[in-house]
Protein backbone atom coordinates (compact mmCIF):
# COMPACT_ATOMS: atom_id res chain seq x y z
CA UNK A 1 0.00 0.00 0.00
CA UNK A 2 1.03 3.57 -0.50
CA UNK A 3 1.53 6.04 2.28
CA UNK A 4 0.10 8.88 0.19
CA UNK A 5 -3.04 10.53 1.48
CA UNK A 6 -6.12 9.79 -0.61
CA UNK A 7 -8.60 12.57 -1.25
CA UNK A 8 -11.65 13.06 -3.42
CA UNK A 9 -12.26 16.20 -5.43
CA UNK A 10 -14.89 17.15 -7.97
CA UNK A 11 -13.65 18.52 -11.28
CA UNK A 12 -15.71 20.35 -13.88
CA UNK A 13 -16.11 18.48 -17.17
CA UNK A 14 -13.85 20.98 -18.95
CA UNK A 15 -10.89 20.30 -16.64
CA UNK A 16 -11.50 16.54 -16.86
CA UNK A 17 -11.39 16.74 -20.67
CA UNK A 18 -8.15 18.76 -20.56
CA UNK A 19 -6.52 16.17 -18.31
CA UNK A 20 -7.65 13.35 -20.59
CA UNK A 21 -6.23 15.27 -23.57
CA UNK A 22 -2.87 15.52 -21.79
CA UNK A 23 -2.64 11.71 -21.82
CA UNK A 24 -2.09 11.98 -25.60
CA UNK A 25 0.97 14.19 -25.00
CA UNK A 26 4.31 12.33 -25.07
CA UNK A 27 5.19 13.74 -21.63
CA UNK A 28 2.16 12.06 -20.04
CA UNK A 29 1.47 9.06 -22.29
CA UNK A 30 2.50 6.51 -19.64
CA UNK A 31 1.04 8.41 -16.67
CA UNK A 32 -2.16 7.54 -14.87
CA UNK A 33 -4.87 10.14 -14.48
CA UNK A 34 -3.85 10.57 -10.82
CA UNK A 35 -0.18 11.04 -11.74
CA UNK A 36 -1.08 13.76 -14.25
CA UNK A 37 -3.15 15.56 -11.60
CA UNK A 38 -0.25 15.28 -9.10
CA UNK A 39 2.20 16.74 -11.63
CA UNK A 40 -0.14 19.61 -12.49
CA UNK A 41 -0.66 20.40 -8.80
CA UNK A 42 3.10 20.34 -8.15
CA UNK A 43 3.78 22.69 -11.07
CA UNK A 44 1.00 25.05 -10.03
CA UNK A 45 2.18 25.13 -6.43
CA UNK A 46 5.79 25.73 -7.50
CA UNK A 47 4.70 28.58 -9.74
CA UNK A 48 2.63 30.07 -6.90
CA UNK A 49 5.60 29.84 -4.53
CA UNK A 50 7.73 31.79 -7.03
CA UNK A 51 5.32 34.72 -7.11
CA UNK A 52 6.37 37.76 -5.07
CA UNK A 53 4.24 38.44 -1.98
CA UNK A 54 1.68 41.20 -2.42
C-alpha atoms as a PDB file:
ATOM      1  CA  UNK A   1       0.000   0.000   0.000  1.00  0.00           C
ATOM      2  CA  UNK A   2       1.025   3.570  -0.500  1.00  0.00           C
ATOM      3  CA  UNK A   3       1.527   6.043   2.281  1.00  0.00           C
ATOM      4  CA  UNK A   4       0.102   8.879   0.191  1.00  0.00           C
ATOM      5  CA  UNK A   5      -3.042  10.533   1.483  1.00  0.00           C
ATOM      6  CA  UNK A   6      -6.118   9.789  -0.610  1.00  0.00           C
ATOM      7  CA  UNK A   7      -8.603  12.566  -1.255  1.00  0.00           C
ATOM      8  CA  UNK A   8     -11.651  13.055  -3.419  1.00  0.00           C
ATOM      9  CA  UNK A   9     -12.257  16.204  -5.432  1.00  0.00           C
ATOM     10  CA  UNK A  10     -14.891  17.152  -7.973  1.00  0.00           C
ATOM     11  CA  UNK A  11     -13.648  18.520 -11.281  1.00  0.00           C
ATOM     12  CA  UNK A  12     -15.705  20.353 -13.878  1.00  0.00           C
ATOM     13  CA  UNK A  13     -16.105  18.485 -17.174  1.00  0.00           C
ATOM     14  CA  UNK A  14     -13.849  20.982 -18.947  1.00  0.00           C
ATOM     15  CA  UNK A  15     -10.891  20.300 -16.638  1.00  0.00           C
ATOM     16  CA  UNK A  16     -11.502  16.544 -16.860  1.00  0.00           C
ATOM     17  CA  UNK A  17     -11.387  16.744 -20.671  1.00  0.00           C
ATOM     18  CA  UNK A  18      -8.155  18.755 -20.564  1.00  0.00           C
ATOM     19  CA  UNK A  19      -6.518  16.170 -18.306  1.00  0.00           C
ATOM     20  CA  UNK A  20      -7.647  13.353 -20.594  1.00  0.00           C
ATOM     21  CA  UNK A  21      -6.229  15.268 -23.572  1.00  0.00           C
ATOM     22  CA  UNK A  22      -2.871  15.519 -21.790  1.00  0.00           C
ATOM     23  CA  UNK A  23      -2.640  11.710 -21.823  1.00  0.00           C
ATOM     24  CA  UNK A  24      -2.092  11.978 -25.599  1.00  0.00           C
ATOM     25  CA  UNK A  25       0.970  14.189 -24.997  1.00  0.00           C
ATOM     26  CA  UNK A  26       4.309  12.332 -25.073  1.00  0.00           C
ATOM     27  CA  UNK A  27       5.193  13.743 -21.631  1.00  0.00           C
ATOM     28  CA  UNK A  28       2.165  12.065 -20.038  1.00  0.00           C
ATOM     29  CA  UNK A  29       1.470   9.064 -22.288  1.00  0.00           C
ATOM     30  CA  UNK A  30       2.497   6.514 -19.636  1.00  0.00           C
ATOM     31  CA  UNK A  31       1.041   8.406 -16.673  1.00  0.00           C
ATOM     32  CA  UNK A  32      -2.159   7.537 -14.870  1.00  0.00           C
ATOM     33  CA  UNK A  33      -4.869  10.135 -14.478  1.00  0.00           C
ATOM     34  CA  UNK A  34      -3.849  10.569 -10.823  1.00  0.00           C
ATOM     35  CA  UNK A  35      -0.178  11.044 -11.736  1.00  0.00           C
ATOM     36  CA  UNK A  36      -1.075  13.763 -14.252  1.00  0.00           C
ATOM     37  CA  UNK A  37      -3.148  15.564 -11.601  1.00  0.00           C
ATOM     38  CA  UNK A  38      -0.251  15.280  -9.098  1.00  0.00           C
ATOM     39  CA  UNK A  39       2.201  16.742 -11.631  1.00  0.00           C
ATOM     40  CA  UNK A  40      -0.141  19.610 -12.488  1.00  0.00           C
ATOM     41  CA  UNK A  41      -0.655  20.404  -8.800  1.00  0.00           C
ATOM     42  CA  UNK A  42       3.098  20.339  -8.148  1.00  0.00           C
ATOM     43  CA  UNK A  43       3.779  22.693 -11.066  1.00  0.00           C
ATOM     44  CA  UNK A  44       0.999  25.054 -10.031  1.00  0.00           C
ATOM     45  CA  UNK A  45       2.180  25.127  -6.431  1.00  0.00           C
ATOM     46  CA  UNK A  46       5.786  25.728  -7.499  1.00  0.00           C
ATOM     47  CA  UNK A  47       4.703  28.583  -9.739  1.00  0.00           C
ATOM     48  CA  UNK A  48       2.633  30.071  -6.898  1.00  0.00           C
ATOM     49  CA  UNK A  49       5.602  29.843  -4.531  1.00  0.00           C
ATOM     50  CA  UNK A  50       7.733  31.785  -7.029  1.00  0.00           C
ATOM     51  CA  UNK A  51       5.319  34.723  -7.107  1.00  0.00           C
ATOM     52  CA  UNK A  52       6.370  37.763  -5.074  1.00  0.00           C
ATOM     53  CA  UNK A  53       4.244  38.437  -1.982  1.00  0.00           C
ATOM     54  CA  UNK A  54       1.684  41.200  -2.420  1.00  0.00           C
END
